[in-house]
């Protein structure tokens, strides 16, 4: 998956998190679940960036 795809998925997850938080409040389980999804996407994106940096020249 390309960086643009990662960024798009992250942005969609972020927007959904904000929507859920506004609709249900920060303590709602749906907000927590979406936050975990967003964290996973961010970690995946960071791992992809780090893997590229680890390539020896």
PDB file of N, CA and C in Angstrom:
ATOM      1  N   UNK A   1       0.851  -1.175   0.000  1.00  0.00           N
ATOM      2  CA  UNK A   1       0.000   0.000   0.000  1.00  0.00           C
ATOM      3  C   UNK A   1       0.896   1.236   0.000  1.00  0.00           C
ATOM      4  N   UNK A   2       0.551   2.212  -0.823  1.00  0.00           N
ATOM      5  CA  UNK A   2       1.352   3.415  -0.916  1.00  0.00           C
ATOM      6  C   UNK A   2       1.088   4.380   0.221  1.00  0.00           C
ATOM      7  N   UNK A   3       1.997   5.338   0.352  1.00  0.00           N
ATOM      8  CA  UNK A   3       1.864   6.331   1.423  1.00  0.00           C
ATOM      9  C   UNK A   3       0.570   7.131   1.305  1.00  0.00           C
ATOM     10  N   UNK A   4       0.174   7.443   0.060  1.00  0.00           N
ATOM     11  CA  UNK A   4      -1.069   8.200  -0.125  1.00  0.00           C
ATOM     12  C   UNK A   4      -2.264   7.403   0.368  1.00  0.00           C
ATOM     13  N   UNK A   5      -2.276   6.105   0.103  1.00  0.00           N
ATOM     14  CA  UNK A   5      -3.369   5.248   0.581  1.00  0.00           C
ATOM     15  C   UNK A   5      -3.407   5.226   2.108  1.00  0.00           C
ATOM     16  N   UNK A   6      -2.223   5.099   2.716  1.00  0.00           N
ATOM     17  CA  UNK A   6      -2.157   5.123   4.180  1.00  0.00           C
ATOM     18  C   UNK A   6      -2.717   6.426   4.723  1.00  0.00           C
ATOM     19  N   UNK A   7      -2.269   7.519   4.144  1.00  0.00           N
ATOM     20  CA  UNK A   7      -2.720   8.827   4.628  1.00  0.00           C
ATOM     21  C   UNK A   7      -4.224   9.002   4.458  1.00  0.00           C
ATOM     22  N   UNK A   8      -4.768   8.518   3.348  1.00  0.00           N
ATOM     23  CA  UNK A   8      -6.219   8.610   3.134  1.00  0.00           C
ATOM     24  C   UNK A   8      -6.983   7.798   4.175  1.00  0.00           C
ATOM     25  N   UNK A   9      -6.516   6.588   4.447  1.00  0.00           N
ATOM     26  CA  UNK A   9      -7.176   5.742   5.446  1.00  0.00           C
ATOM     27  C   UNK A   9      -7.073   6.359   6.838  1.00  0.00           C
ATOM     28  N   UNK A  10      -5.927   6.952   7.142  1.00  0.00           N
ATOM     29  CA  UNK A  10      -5.736   7.616   8.433  1.00  0.00           C
ATOM     30  C   UNK A  10      -6.688   8.797   8.558  1.00  0.00           C
ATOM     31  N   UNK A  11      -6.790   9.590   7.509  1.00  0.00           N
ATOM     32  CA  UNK A  11      -7.674  10.758   7.551  1.00  0.00           C
ATOM     33  C   UNK A  11      -9.132  10.337   7.702  1.00  0.00           C
ATOM     34  N   UNK A  12      -9.555   9.304   7.010  1.00  0.00           N
ATOM     35  CA  UNK A  12     -10.926   8.816   7.146  1.00  0.00           C
ATOM     36  C   UNK A  12     -11.192   8.325   8.568  1.00  0.00           C
ATOM     37  N   UNK A  13     -10.237   7.604   9.123  1.00  0.00           N
ATOM     38  CA  UNK A  13     -10.384   7.097  10.494  1.00  0.00           C
ATOM     39  C   UNK A  13     -10.416   8.244  11.498  1.00  0.00           C
ATOM     40  N   UNK A  14      -9.626   9.260  11.254  1.00  0.00           N
ATOM     41  CA  UNK A  14      -9.594  10.427  12.150  1.00  0.00           C
ATOM     42  C   UNK A  14     -10.934  11.167  12.116  1.00  0.00           C
ATOM     43  N   UNK A  15     -11.461  11.355  10.917  1.00  0.00           N
ATOM     44  CA  UNK A  15     -12.748  12.034  10.786  1.00  0.00           C
ATOM     45  C   UNK A  15     -13.865  11.239  11.463  1.00  0.00           C
ATOM     46  N   UNK A  16     -13.826   9.919  11.290  1.00  0.00           N
ATOM     47  CA  UNK A  16     -14.832   9.077  11.934  1.00  0.00           C
ATOM     48  C   UNK A  16     -14.705   9.150  13.453  1.00  0.00           C
ATOM     49  N   UNK A  17     -13.493   9.167  13.958  1.00  0.00           N
ATOM     50  CA  UNK A  17     -13.274   9.299  15.399  1.00  0.00           C
ATOM     51  C   UNK A  17     -13.865  10.611  15.912  1.00  0.00           C
ATOM     52  N   UNK A  18     -13.612  11.694  15.215  1.00  0.00           N
ATOM     53  CA  UNK A  18     -14.157  12.989  15.621  1.00  0.00           C
ATOM     54  C   UNK A  18     -15.679  12.983  15.586  1.00  0.00           C
ATOM     55  N   UNK A  19     -16.252  12.382  14.548  1.00  0.00           N
ATOM     56  CA  UNK A  19     -17.708  12.326  14.430  1.00  0.00           C
ATOM     57  C   UNK A  19     -18.314  11.538  15.593  1.00  0.00           C
ATOM     58  N   UNK A  20     -17.728  10.384  15.871  1.00  0.00           N
ATOM     59  CA  UNK A  20     -18.232   9.555  16.969  1.00  0.00           C
ATOM     60  C   UNK A  20     -18.110  10.266  18.312  1.00  0.00           C
ATOM     61  N   UNK A  21     -16.987  10.925  18.522  1.00  0.00           N
ATOM     62  CA  UNK A  21     -16.778  11.629  19.793  1.00  0.00           C
ATOM     63  C   UNK A  21     -17.796  12.747  19.981  1.00  0.00           C
ATOM     64  N   UNK A  22     -18.092  13.463  18.905  1.00  0.00           N
ATOM     65  CA  UNK A  22     -19.089  14.536  19.005  1.00  0.00           C
ATOM     66  C   UNK A  22     -20.491  13.976  19.236  1.00  0.00           C
ATOM     67  N   UNK A  23     -20.785  12.861  18.587  1.00  0.00           N
ATOM     68  CA  UNK A  23     -22.134  12.294  18.685  1.00  0.00           C
ATOM     69  C   UNK A  23     -22.380  11.564  19.999  1.00  0.00           C
ATOM     70  N   UNK A  24     -21.370  10.799  20.467  1.00  0.00           N
ATOM     71  CA  UNK A  24     -21.583   9.916  21.615  1.00  0.00           C
ATOM     72  C   UNK A  24     -20.799  10.299  22.860  1.00  0.00           C
ATOM     73  N   UNK A  25     -19.824  11.187  22.739  1.00  0.00           N
ATOM     74  CA  UNK A  25     -19.001  11.568  23.882  1.00  0.00           C
ATOM     75  C   UNK A  25     -17.740  10.727  23.963  1.00  0.00           C
ATOM     76  N   UNK A  26     -16.765  11.275  24.636  1.00  0.00           N
ATOM     77  CA  UNK A  26     -15.440  10.658  24.690  1.00  0.00           C
ATOM     78  C   UNK A  26     -15.408   9.332  25.451  1.00  0.00           C
ATOM     79  N   UNK A  27     -16.367   9.081  26.300  1.00  0.00           N
ATOM     80  CA  UNK A  27     -16.353   7.868  27.123  1.00  0.00           C
ATOM     81  C   UNK A  27     -17.027   6.669  26.448  1.00  0.00           C
ATOM     82  N   UNK A  28     -17.597   6.863  25.266  1.00  0.00           N
ATOM     83  CA  UNK A  28     -18.343   5.802  24.597  1.00  0.00           C
ATOM     84  C   UNK A  28     -17.401   4.738  24.029  1.00  0.00           C
ATOM     85  N   UNK A  29     -17.815   3.479  24.093  1.00  0.00           N
ATOM     86  CA  UNK A  29     -16.985   2.362  23.619  1.00  0.00           C
ATOM     87  C   UNK A  29     -16.712   2.469  22.115  1.00  0.00           C
ATOM     88  N   UNK A  30     -17.647   3.029  21.358  1.00  0.00           N
ATOM     89  CA  UNK A  30     -17.437   3.187  19.916  1.00  0.00           C
ATOM     90  C   UNK A  30     -16.286   4.144  19.627  1.00  0.00           C
ATOM     91  N   UNK A  31     -16.147   5.152  20.463  1.00  0.00           N
ATOM     92  CA  UNK A  31     -15.046   6.102  20.316  1.00  0.00           C
ATOM     93  C   UNK A  31     -13.725   5.400  20.630  1.00  0.00           C
ATOM     94  N   UNK A  32     -13.711   4.623  21.695  1.00  0.00           N
ATOM     95  CA  UNK A  32     -12.506   3.872  22.048  1.00  0.00           C
ATOM     96  C   UNK A  32     -12.103   2.916  20.932  1.00  0.00           C
ATOM     97  N   UNK A  33     -13.059   2.188  20.399  1.00  0.00           N
ATOM     98  CA  UNK A  33     -12.755   1.239  19.314  1.00  0.00           C
ATOM     99  C   UNK A  33     -12.191   1.961  18.086  1.00  0.00           C
ATOM    100  N   UNK A  34     -12.772   3.090  17.750  1.00  0.00           N
ATOM    101  CA  UNK A  34     -12.277   3.838  16.591  1.00  0.00           C
ATOM    102  C   UNK A  34     -10.895   4.398  16.869  1.00  0.00           C
ATOM    103  N   UNK A  35     -10.645   4.802  18.100  1.00  0.00           N
ATOM    104  CA  UNK A  35      -9.322   5.289  18.473  1.00  0.00           C
ATOM    105  C   UNK A  35      -8.267   4.190  18.316  1.00  0.00           C
ATOM    106  N   UNK A  36      -8.628   2.975  18.696  1.00  0.00           N
ATOM    107  CA  UNK A  36      -7.712   1.838  18.544  1.00  0.00           C
ATOM    108  C   UNK A  36      -7.437   1.579  17.063  1.00  0.00           C
ATOM    109  N   UNK A  37      -8.467   1.677  16.226  1.00  0.00           N
ATOM    110  CA  UNK A  37      -8.285   1.499  14.778  1.00  0.00           C
ATOM    111  C   UNK A  37      -7.341   2.563  14.214  1.00  0.00           C
ATOM    112  N   UNK A  38      -7.558   3.806  14.639  1.00  0.00           N
ATOM    113  CA  UNK A  38      -6.699   4.889  14.174  1.00  0.00           C
ATOM    114  C   UNK A  38      -5.256   4.672  14.636  1.00  0.00           C
ATOM    115  N   UNK A  39      -5.069   4.267  15.867  1.00  0.00           N
ATOM    116  CA  UNK A  39      -3.720   3.972  16.378  1.00  0.00           C
ATOM    117  C   UNK A  39      -3.039   2.902  15.538  1.00  0.00           C
ATOM    118  N   UNK A  40      -3.781   1.855  15.180  1.00  0.00           N
ATOM    119  CA  UNK A  40      -3.210   0.773  14.379  1.00  0.00           C
ATOM    120  C   UNK A  40      -2.790   1.284  13.000  1.00  0.00           C
ATOM    121  N   UNK A  41      -3.612   2.117  12.392  1.00  0.00           N
ATOM    122  CA  UNK A  41      -3.260   2.684  11.089  1.00  0.00           C
ATOM    123  C   UNK A  41      -2.019   3.568  11.187  1.00  0.00           C
ATOM    124  N   UNK A  42      -1.955   4.365  12.239  1.00  0.00           N
ATOM    125  CA  UNK A  42      -0.782   5.227  12.427  1.00  0.00           C
ATOM    126  C   UNK A  42       0.481   4.405  12.651  1.00  0.00           C
ATOM    127  N   UNK A  43       0.376   3.339  13.429  1.00  0.00           N
ATOM    128  CA  UNK A  43       1.532   2.469  13.664  1.00  0.00           C
ATOM    129  C   UNK A  43       1.968   1.780  12.372  1.00  0.00           C
ATOM    130  N   UNK A  44       1.007   1.322  11.585  1.00  0.00           N
ATOM    131  CA  UNK A  44       1.312   0.677  10.304  1.00  0.00           C
ATOM    132  C   UNK A  44       2.033   1.658   9.376  1.00  0.00           C
ATOM    133  N   UNK A  45       1.539   2.882   9.315  1.00  0.00           N
ATOM    134  CA  UNK A  45       2.145   3.919   8.486  1.00  0.00           C
ATOM    135  C   UNK A  45       3.572   4.220   8.954  1.00  0.00           C
ATOM    136  N   UNK A  46       3.747   4.353  10.250  1.00  0.00           N
ATOM    137  CA  UNK A  46       5.080   4.611  10.802  1.00  0.00           C
ATOM    138  C   UNK A  46       6.033   3.465  10.501  1.00  0.00           C
ATOM    139  N   UNK A  47       5.548   2.232  10.622  1.00  0.00           N
ATOM    140  CA  UNK A  47       6.377   1.071  10.309  1.00  0.00           C
ATOM    141  C   UNK A  47       6.826   1.082   8.854  1.00  0.00           C
ATOM    142  N   UNK A  48       5.932   1.454   7.950  1.00  0.00           N
ATOM    143  CA  UNK A  48       6.281   1.515   6.527  1.00  0.00           C
ATOM    144  C   UNK A  48       7.354   2.561   6.277  1.00  0.00           C
ATOM    145  N   UNK A  49       7.227   3.696   6.934  1.00  0.00           N
ATOM    146  CA  UNK A  49       8.232   4.745   6.776  1.00  0.00           C
ATOM    147  C   UNK A  49       9.569   4.308   7.358  1.00  0.00           C
ATOM    148  N   UNK A  50       9.536   3.647   8.499  1.00  0.00           N
ATOM    149  CA  UNK A  50      10.755   3.188   9.157  1.00  0.00           C
ATOM    150  C   UNK A  50      11.436   2.102   8.340  1.00  0.00           C
ATOM    151  N   UNK A  51      10.655   1.195   7.754  1.00  0.00           N
ATOM    152  CA  UNK A  51      11.226   0.126   6.930  1.00  0.00           C
ATOM    153  C   UNK A  51      12.002   0.698   5.755  1.00  0.00           C
ATOM    154  N   UNK A  52      11.514   1.765   5.160  1.00  0.00           N
ATOM    155  CA  UNK A  52      12.211   2.384   4.031  1.00  0.00           C
ATOM    156  C   UNK A  52      13.530   2.994   4.483  1.00  0.00           C
ATOM    157  N   UNK A  53      13.547   3.502   5.706  1.00  0.00           N
ATOM    158  CA  UNK A  53      14.769   4.117   6.235  1.00  0.00           C
ATOM    159  C   UNK A  53      15.833   3.075   6.581  1.00  0.00           C
ATOM    160  N   UNK A  54      15.423   1.811   6.768  1.00  0.00           N
ATOM    161  CA  UNK A  54      16.348   0.768   7.174  1.00  0.00           C
ATOM    162  C   UNK A  54      17.097   0.122   6.002  1.00  0.00           C
ATOM    163  N   UNK A  55      16.795   0.533   4.779  1.00  0.00           N
ATOM    164  CA  UNK A  55      17.428  -0.069   3.611  1.00  0.00           C
ATOM    165  C   UNK A  55      18.873   0.415   3.534  1.00  0.00           C
ATOM    166  N   UNK A  56      19.838  -0.522   3.532  1.00  0.00           N
ATOM    167  CA  UNK A  56      21.248  -0.106   3.446  1.00  0.00           C
ATOM    168  C   UNK A  56      21.594   0.368   2.032  1.00  0.00           C
ATOM    169  N   UNK A  57      22.511   1.301   1.942  1.00  0.00           N
ATOM    170  CA  UNK A  57      22.931   1.831   0.647  1.00  0.00           C
ATOM    171  C   UNK A  57      24.300   1.341   0.297  1.00  0.00           C
TER     172      UNK A  57
END
